[in-house]
Amino acid sequence: MSRDEYFQNAVIRPILKLQNDLFIEVFKNYIRKHKNVFHDLSILKKFQYIENSVQRDVKFRNNLKGMILGLLTLEEFEVYTENSSALNKRMMNLLIERLKDQVQLLEKDNPALSA
């Protein structure tokens, strides 16, 4: 296992899991701020919307990245800075897949969220 893979599995994945509910709420807020067009899309278009939002909206991407980096220890941050470009790509890809896997939680009338 490469050092990046180890960092991904030992550090990034646990942070994404810990912050999952927050990432869902942050993305729901992003949808609201962009006129709720997400809710009118097909499932495939929703997946593309998620990918494009995280990959192409630099301000939003940096916000998400900051939410992850803010939970790193000093030692983890030092490892991160050694290969931040590749690790950023891994972080965002994992987050995109996590959001896609939970796309139903992004719906505005999700009964699971009103219980």
Protein backbone atom coordinates (compact mmCIF):
# COMPACT_ATOMS: atom_id res chain seq x y z
CA MET A 1 0.00 0.00 0.00
CA SER A 2 1.41 3.40 -0.96
CA ARG A 3 1.77 6.20 1.54
CA ASP A 4 -1.10 8.09 -0.12
CA GLU A 5 -3.35 5.03 0.06
CA TYR A 6 -2.50 4.57 3.71
CA PHE A 7 -3.23 8.24 4.43
CA GLN A 8 -6.50 7.98 2.55
CA ASN A 9 -7.64 4.93 4.51
CA ALA A 10 -6.25 5.86 7.92
CA VAL A 11 -7.01 9.58 7.94
CA ILE A 12 -9.29 10.84 5.16
CA ARG A 13 -11.96 8.12 5.27
CA PRO A 14 -12.50 8.40 9.05
CA ILE A 15 -12.82 12.19 8.77
CA LEU A 16 -15.34 11.87 5.93
CA LYS A 17 -17.33 9.39 8.00
CA LEU A 18 -17.19 11.59 11.10
CA GLN A 19 -18.30 14.67 9.18
CA ASN A 20 -20.83 12.89 6.94
CA ASP A 21 -23.93 14.60 8.34
CA LEU A 22 -22.25 17.98 8.04
CA PHE A 23 -21.24 17.32 4.41
CA ILE A 24 -24.86 16.39 3.61
CA GLU A 25 -26.14 19.62 5.17
CA VAL A 26 -23.46 21.73 3.49
CA PHE A 27 -24.39 20.24 0.12
CA LYS A 28 -28.11 20.79 0.76
CA ASN A 29 -27.30 24.42 1.52
CA TYR A 30 -25.29 24.61 -1.73
CA ILE A 31 -28.35 23.28 -3.60
CA ARG A 32 -30.60 25.92 -1.98
CA LYS A 33 -28.16 28.72 -2.81
CA HIS A 34 -28.20 27.59 -6.44
CA LYS A 35 -31.98 27.85 -6.84
CA ASN A 36 -32.82 24.20 -6.06
CA VAL A 37 -32.30 23.12 -9.69
CA PHE A 38 -30.80 19.89 -8.34
CA HIS A 39 -34.25 18.64 -7.34
CA ASP A 40 -35.57 18.77 -10.92
CA LEU A 41 -32.76 16.64 -12.37
CA SER A 42 -32.72 12.96 -13.28
CA ILE A 43 -30.58 10.70 -11.10
CA LEU A 44 -27.73 10.70 -13.64
CA LYS A 45 -27.84 14.49 -13.89
CA LYS A 46 -27.82 14.70 -10.08
CA PHE A 47 -24.63 12.65 -10.04
CA GLN A 48 -23.12 15.01 -12.62
CA TYR A 49 -24.28 18.01 -10.57
CA ILE A 50 -22.53 16.61 -7.50
CA GLU A 51 -19.31 15.99 -9.46
CA ASN A 52 -19.35 19.40 -11.11
CA SER A 53 -20.12 21.22 -7.88
CA VAL A 54 -17.21 19.65 -6.03
CA GLN A 55 -14.73 19.64 -8.91
CA ARG A 56 -15.44 22.93 -10.68
CA ASP A 57 -16.76 25.34 -8.05
CA VAL A 58 -13.40 26.34 -6.58
CA LYS A 59 -14.87 28.29 -3.66
CA PHE A 60 -17.12 25.39 -2.67
CA ARG A 61 -14.31 22.87 -3.16
CA ASN A 62 -11.99 24.88 -0.93
CA ASN A 63 -14.70 25.07 1.72
CA LEU A 64 -15.07 21.28 1.68
CA LYS A 65 -11.31 20.80 1.73
CA GLY A 66 -11.05 23.13 4.72
CA MET A 67 -13.65 21.09 6.59
CA ILE A 68 -11.43 18.04 6.17
CA LEU A 69 -8.06 19.70 6.77
CA GLY A 70 -9.34 21.38 9.91
CA LEU A 71 -9.56 17.97 11.57
CA LEU A 72 -6.01 16.87 10.80
CA THR A 73 -3.44 16.62 13.56
CA LEU A 74 -0.16 18.47 13.10
CA GLU A 75 1.56 15.22 12.10
CA GLU A 76 -1.18 14.37 9.61
CA PHE A 77 -0.98 17.88 8.15
CA GLU A 78 2.75 17.48 7.64
CA VAL A 79 2.14 14.25 5.69
CA TYR A 80 -0.64 15.98 3.74
CA THR A 81 1.60 18.88 2.70
CA GLU A 82 4.17 16.48 1.23
CA ASN A 83 1.72 15.42 -1.48
CA SER A 84 -1.26 17.74 -1.15
CA SER A 85 -2.20 17.72 -4.83
CA ALA A 86 -2.70 13.95 -5.04
CA LEU A 87 -4.31 13.82 -1.61
CA ASN A 88 -6.72 16.63 -2.53
CA LYS A 89 -7.80 14.62 -5.55
CA ARG A 90 -8.33 11.54 -3.38
CA MET A 91 -10.29 13.56 -0.79
CA MET A 92 -12.61 15.10 -3.35
CA ASN A 93 -13.18 11.82 -5.21
CA LEU A 94 -14.07 10.07 -1.96
CA LEU A 95 -16.41 12.91 -0.99
CA ILE A 96 -18.09 12.87 -4.40
CA GLU A 97 -18.70 9.13 -4.15
CA ARG A 98 -20.01 9.52 -0.61
CA LEU A 99 -22.49 12.20 -1.72
CA LYS A 100 -23.59 10.13 -4.72
CA ASP A 101 -24.13 7.09 -2.50
CA GLN A 102 -26.41 9.18 -0.30
CA VAL A 103 -28.15 11.21 -2.99
CA GLN A 104 -31.53 10.37 -1.46
CA LEU A 105 -30.54 12.37 1.64
CA LEU A 106 -30.16 15.46 -0.53
CA GLU A 107 -33.83 15.47 -1.52
CA LYS A 108 -35.85 18.28 0.01
CA ASP A 109 -38.78 16.03 0.99
CA ASN A 110 -36.78 13.13 2.40
CA PRO A 111 -38.97 11.30 4.97
CA ALA A 112 -35.88 9.82 6.64
CA LEU A 113 -34.81 13.31 7.69
CA SER A 114 -38.14 14.35 9.20
CA ALA A 115 -38.32 11.44 11.67
